[in-house]
Protein backbone atom coordinates (compact mmCIF):
# COMPACT_ATOMS: atom_id res chain seq x y z
CA UNK A 1 0.00 0.00 0.00
CA UNK A 2 1.46 3.32 -1.09
CA UNK A 3 1.44 6.17 1.41
CA UNK A 4 0.96 9.42 -0.48
CA UNK A 5 0.93 13.09 0.56
CA UNK A 6 -0.50 15.69 -1.82
CA UNK A 7 -0.06 19.42 -1.19
CA UNK A 8 -2.41 21.54 -3.26
CA UNK A 9 -4.64 18.50 -3.37
CA UNK A 10 -7.80 20.15 -4.69
CA UNK A 11 -6.18 21.41 -7.88
CA UNK A 12 -7.64 19.66 -10.92
CA UNK A 13 -4.49 17.74 -11.83
CA UNK A 14 -3.75 16.68 -8.25
CA UNK A 15 -7.32 15.50 -7.69
CA UNK A 16 -7.21 13.43 -10.87
CA UNK A 17 -3.93 11.84 -9.76
CA UNK A 18 -5.38 11.15 -6.31
CA UNK A 19 -8.30 9.30 -7.89
CA UNK A 20 -5.91 7.01 -9.74
CA UNK A 21 -3.96 6.28 -6.57
CA UNK A 22 -7.17 5.74 -4.59
CA UNK A 23 -8.30 3.12 -7.11
CA UNK A 24 -5.13 1.19 -6.25
CA UNK A 25 -5.94 1.25 -2.55
CA UNK A 26 -3.36 3.85 -1.55
CA UNK A 27 -3.43 5.73 1.75
CA UNK A 28 -3.67 9.46 1.07
CA UNK A 29 -3.15 12.66 3.03
CA UNK A 30 -4.53 15.80 1.41
CA UNK A 31 -3.36 19.34 2.13
CA UNK A 32 -5.12 22.40 0.74
CA UNK A 33 -6.61 25.77 1.57
CA UNK A 34 -10.34 24.96 1.48
CA UNK A 35 -11.74 22.68 4.18
CA UNK A 36 -15.03 21.95 2.42
CA UNK A 37 -13.30 21.01 -0.83
CA UNK A 38 -10.86 18.76 1.03
CA UNK A 39 -13.68 17.00 2.88
CA UNK A 40 -15.63 16.40 -0.33
CA UNK A 41 -12.53 15.10 -2.09
CA UNK A 42 -11.66 12.80 0.80
CA UNK A 43 -15.16 11.30 0.79
CA UNK A 44 -14.94 10.71 -2.95
CA UNK A 45 -11.54 9.02 -2.67
CA UNK A 46 -12.76 6.67 0.05
CA UNK A 47 -15.57 5.54 -2.24
CA UNK A 48 -13.02 5.02 -5.02
CA UNK A 49 -11.00 2.61 -2.89
CA UNK A 50 -8.47 4.59 -0.86
CA UNK A 51 -7.28 2.67 2.20
CA UNK A 52 -7.65 5.80 4.29
CA UNK A 53 -7.68 9.55 3.67
CA UNK A 54 -6.53 12.32 5.99
CA UNK A 55 -6.79 16.06 5.45
CA UNK A 56 -5.30 19.28 6.74
CA UNK A 57 -6.10 22.87 5.87
CA UNK A 58 -2.98 24.89 5.08
CA UNK A 59 -2.01 27.81 2.89
CA UNK A 60 1.23 26.65 1.26
CA UNK A 61 2.59 30.20 1.26
CA UNK A 62 2.48 30.13 5.08
CA UNK A 63 5.99 28.74 5.50
CA UNK A 64 5.61 28.56 9.26
CA UNK A 65 2.81 26.00 8.89
CA UNK A 66 4.81 23.51 6.82
CA UNK A 67 6.60 21.60 9.56
CA UNK A 68 3.48 20.79 11.59
CA UNK A 69 1.50 19.81 8.49
CA UNK A 70 4.18 17.41 7.28
CA UNK A 71 4.56 15.93 10.76
CA UNK A 72 0.80 15.29 10.92
CA UNK A 73 0.79 13.75 7.44
CA UNK A 74 3.61 11.32 8.17
CA UNK A 75 2.04 10.32 11.48
CA UNK A 76 -1.36 9.74 9.87
CA UNK A 77 0.09 7.73 6.99
CA UNK A 78 2.58 5.81 9.09
CA UNK A 79 5.41 6.83 6.78
CA UNK A 80 5.71 8.34 3.32
CA UNK A 81 6.30 6.80 -0.10
CA UNK A 82 5.30 9.65 -2.42
CA UNK A 83 4.94 13.38 -1.87
CA UNK A 84 3.33 15.43 -4.65
CA UNK A 85 3.61 19.22 -4.50
CA UNK A 86 0.86 20.59 -6.73
CA UNK A 87 -0.10 24.03 -5.45
CA UNK A 88 0.33 27.25 -7.40
CA UNK A 89 -1.37 30.16 -9.12
CA UNK A 90 -1.49 31.52 -12.66
CA UNK A 91 -0.58 35.21 -12.45
CA UNK A 92 -1.75 38.07 -14.63
CA UNK A 93 1.49 38.94 -16.41
CA UNK A 94 0.49 42.52 -17.24
CA UNK A 95 -0.60 43.17 -13.67
CA UNK A 96 2.72 41.81 -12.42
CA UNK A 97 4.63 44.11 -14.76
CA UNK A 98 2.93 47.07 -13.10
CA UNK A 99 3.42 45.86 -9.51
CA UNK A 100 6.57 44.77 -7.73
CA UNK A 101 4.45 43.55 -4.83
CA UNK A 102 2.28 41.33 -7.04
CA UNK A 103 5.33 39.97 -8.85
CA UNK A 104 6.95 38.96 -5.57
CA UNK A 105 3.71 37.45 -4.31
CA UNK A 106 3.50 35.25 -7.40
CA UNK A 107 7.17 34.26 -7.14
CA UNK A 108 6.43 33.29 -3.54
CA UNK A 109 3.33 31.26 -4.44
CA UNK A 110 4.82 29.43 -7.42
CA UNK A 111 8.46 29.34 -6.41
CA UNK A 112 9.61 30.01 -2.86
CA UNK A 113 6.80 28.15 -1.09
CA UNK A 114 7.42 25.14 -3.33
CA UNK A 115 11.14 25.21 -2.57
CA UNK A 116 10.45 25.49 1.16
CA UNK A 117 8.21 22.42 1.08
CA UNK A 118 10.60 20.51 -1.15
CA UNK A 119 13.45 21.18 1.27
CA UNK A 120 11.55 19.76 4.24
CA UNK A 121 10.28 16.79 2.27
CA UNK A 122 13.72 16.04 0.82
CA UNK A 123 15.21 15.93 4.30
CA UNK A 124 12.39 13.71 5.53
CA UNK A 125 12.76 11.24 2.66
CA UNK A 126 16.54 11.26 2.97
CA UNK A 127 16.29 10.41 6.66
CA UNK A 128 14.07 7.39 5.96
CA UNK A 129 16.20 6.33 2.98
CA UNK A 130 13.47 5.97 0.37
CA UNK A 131 10.56 7.68 -1.34
CA UNK A 132 9.65 9.94 -4.25
CA UNK A 133 9.32 13.70 -4.24
CA UNK A 134 7.23 14.79 -7.25
CA UNK A 135 6.65 18.46 -8.06
CA UNK A 136 4.37 19.96 -10.69
CA UNK A 137 6.26 22.63 -12.58
CA UNK A 138 5.55 23.85 -16.10
CA UNK A 139 7.00 24.06 -19.59
CA UNK A 140 6.89 27.81 -18.92
CA UNK A 141 10.00 27.37 -16.80
CA UNK A 142 12.10 26.19 -19.74
CA UNK A 143 12.55 29.66 -21.24
CA UNK A 144 11.44 33.18 -20.37
CA UNK A 145 8.72 34.54 -22.66
CA UNK A 146 7.10 37.97 -22.58
CA UNK A 147 3.62 36.48 -22.14
CA UNK A 148 4.33 34.76 -18.81
CA UNK A 149 7.87 35.37 -17.59
CA UNK A 150 6.88 35.97 -13.96
CA UNK A 151 5.24 32.55 -13.80
CA UNK A 152 8.03 31.07 -15.91
CA UNK A 153 10.72 32.51 -13.66
CA UNK A 154 9.18 30.87 -10.60
CA UNK A 155 8.80 27.52 -12.37
CA UNK A 156 12.32 27.75 -13.77
CA UNK A 157 13.69 28.39 -10.29
CA UNK A 158 11.88 25.32 -8.99
CA UNK A 159 13.21 23.19 -11.85
CA UNK A 160 16.82 24.17 -11.12
CA UNK A 161 16.29 23.52 -7.41
CA UNK A 162 14.90 20.06 -8.12
CA UNK A 163 17.88 19.28 -10.35
CA UNK A 164 20.13 19.95 -7.39
CA UNK A 165 17.99 17.87 -5.04
CA UNK A 166 18.01 15.01 -7.54
CA UNK A 167 21.79 15.11 -7.75
CA UNK A 168 22.09 15.24 -3.96
CA UNK A 169 19.61 12.47 -3.19
CA UNK A 170 20.20 9.98 -6.01
CA UNK A 171 22.58 7.91 -3.90
CA UNK A 172 20.29 8.07 -0.87
CA UNK A 173 17.46 6.04 -2.40
CA UNK A 174 15.24 9.09 -2.94
CA UNK A 175 13.70 9.92 -6.32
CA UNK A 176 12.99 13.50 -7.40
CA UNK A 177 10.51 13.94 -10.24
CA UNK A 178 10.00 17.23 -12.09
CA UNK A 179 6.63 17.32 -13.86
CA UNK A 180 6.30 19.80 -16.74
CA UNK A 181 2.76 20.08 -18.09
CA UNK A 182 1.93 22.22 -21.07
CA UNK A 183 -1.49 23.82 -21.46
CA UNK A 184 -4.08 22.05 -19.27
CA UNK A 185 -7.82 22.73 -19.24
CA UNK A 186 -8.44 23.47 -15.55
CA UNK A 187 -10.42 26.06 -13.56
CA UNK A 188 -7.17 28.05 -13.29
CA UNK A 189 -7.03 28.41 -17.09
CA UNK A 190 -10.78 28.75 -17.67
CA UNK A 191 -10.49 32.27 -19.09
CA UNK A 192 -7.86 31.36 -21.68
CA UNK A 193 -8.72 30.39 -25.28
CA UNK A 194 -8.21 26.67 -25.90
CA UNK A 195 -6.58 24.94 -28.86
CA UNK A 196 -5.16 21.69 -30.15
CA UNK A 197 -2.24 21.67 -27.70
CA UNK A 198 -4.48 21.63 -24.64
CA UNK A 199 -4.73 18.53 -22.43
CA UNK A 200 -7.26 17.37 -19.85
CA UNK A 201 -6.30 16.97 -16.16
CA UNK A 202 -7.03 13.23 -16.25
CA UNK A 203 -4.52 12.74 -19.06
CA UNK A 204 -1.82 14.65 -17.22
CA UNK A 205 -2.60 12.76 -14.01
CA UNK A 206 -2.18 9.46 -15.82
CA UNK A 207 1.27 10.59 -16.91
CA UNK A 208 2.20 11.67 -13.39
CA UNK A 209 1.26 8.33 -11.84
CA UNK A 210 3.12 6.46 -14.58
CA UNK A 211 6.22 8.65 -14.13
CA UNK A 212 6.24 7.94 -10.38
CA UNK A 213 5.88 4.21 -11.06
CA UNK A 214 8.76 4.26 -13.55
CA UNK A 215 11.11 6.34 -11.40
CA UNK A 216 11.39 9.09 -14.00
CA UNK A 217 13.47 12.21 -13.37
CA UNK A 218 11.72 14.72 -15.66
CA UNK A 219 8.48 14.23 -17.55
CA UNK A 220 6.76 16.53 -20.07
CA UNK A 221 2.99 16.08 -20.24
CA UNK A 222 1.69 15.41 -22.78
CA UNK A 223 4.94 13.99 -24.12
CA UNK A 224 4.99 16.08 -27.30
CA UNK A 225 5.95 19.10 -25.20
CA UNK A 226 9.46 17.70 -24.82
CA UNK A 227 10.09 18.19 -28.56
CA UNK A 228 8.37 21.57 -28.63
CA UNK A 229 10.42 22.93 -25.75
CA UNK A 230 13.63 21.47 -27.16
CA UNK A 231 13.09 23.65 -30.22
CA UNK A 232 12.10 26.69 -28.13
CA UNK A 233 15.20 26.39 -25.92
CA UNK A 234 17.50 26.26 -28.95
CA UNK A 235 16.20 29.34 -30.76
CA UNK A 236 19.11 31.84 -30.76
CA UNK A 237 18.53 34.73 -28.37
CA UNK A 238 19.06 37.22 -31.19
CA UNK A 239 16.01 35.71 -32.89
CA UNK A 240 14.02 34.78 -29.80
CA UNK A 241 13.91 38.32 -28.41
CA UNK A 242 12.05 39.49 -31.52
CA UNK A 243 9.33 36.85 -31.32
CA UNK A 244 5.90 37.47 -29.82
CA UNK A 245 5.66 34.52 -27.46
């Protein structure tokens, strides 16, 4: 029986992943900001086959709350096999350009709070000598683009941090998985126009669960984003800076 912690559990992708794990009989501990949503999700997962489901209300940007939440999760689960960090926001790029305060708030939400949690979880998994730390990032972190560079900067920072953790923990029996979705049709992106490159949360969740099972290091979801971002990363800066991306 897998023992799984999910932070940002009520996000569409995280909930879809939790349903897949529940169907396998996993024990789950859900952390999120909204008590009612957590309770409803927990009830649903129990019906779907979860061995047991615990919950805790926490704002992930409240760094002082992390230690107690993780301690409660590990105690409730009786250990930890997989930790999925899935919280975040999608900032208004133009609003961030006009506000230093908003920019820093978004960097905190999508970057610093993730790194703070990853640090505590890495130390916990290292101490027990096994486990997987999985973090949802974004293809936006692969290269800065004028349309979303505040979000991309935070996700890029997280990706570099996870590279370092992976290098540090590889010999300790701990896996570190960086998840890089492209466009996903979720409530967070409801206002954006959709196109052929958009994926559904259930499809991305399927890829996340498979990547954890296969001990992957980095996964692009859907997989075609790996090729797209390879091209984007290799466009010369002299050309890239003139593009409207």
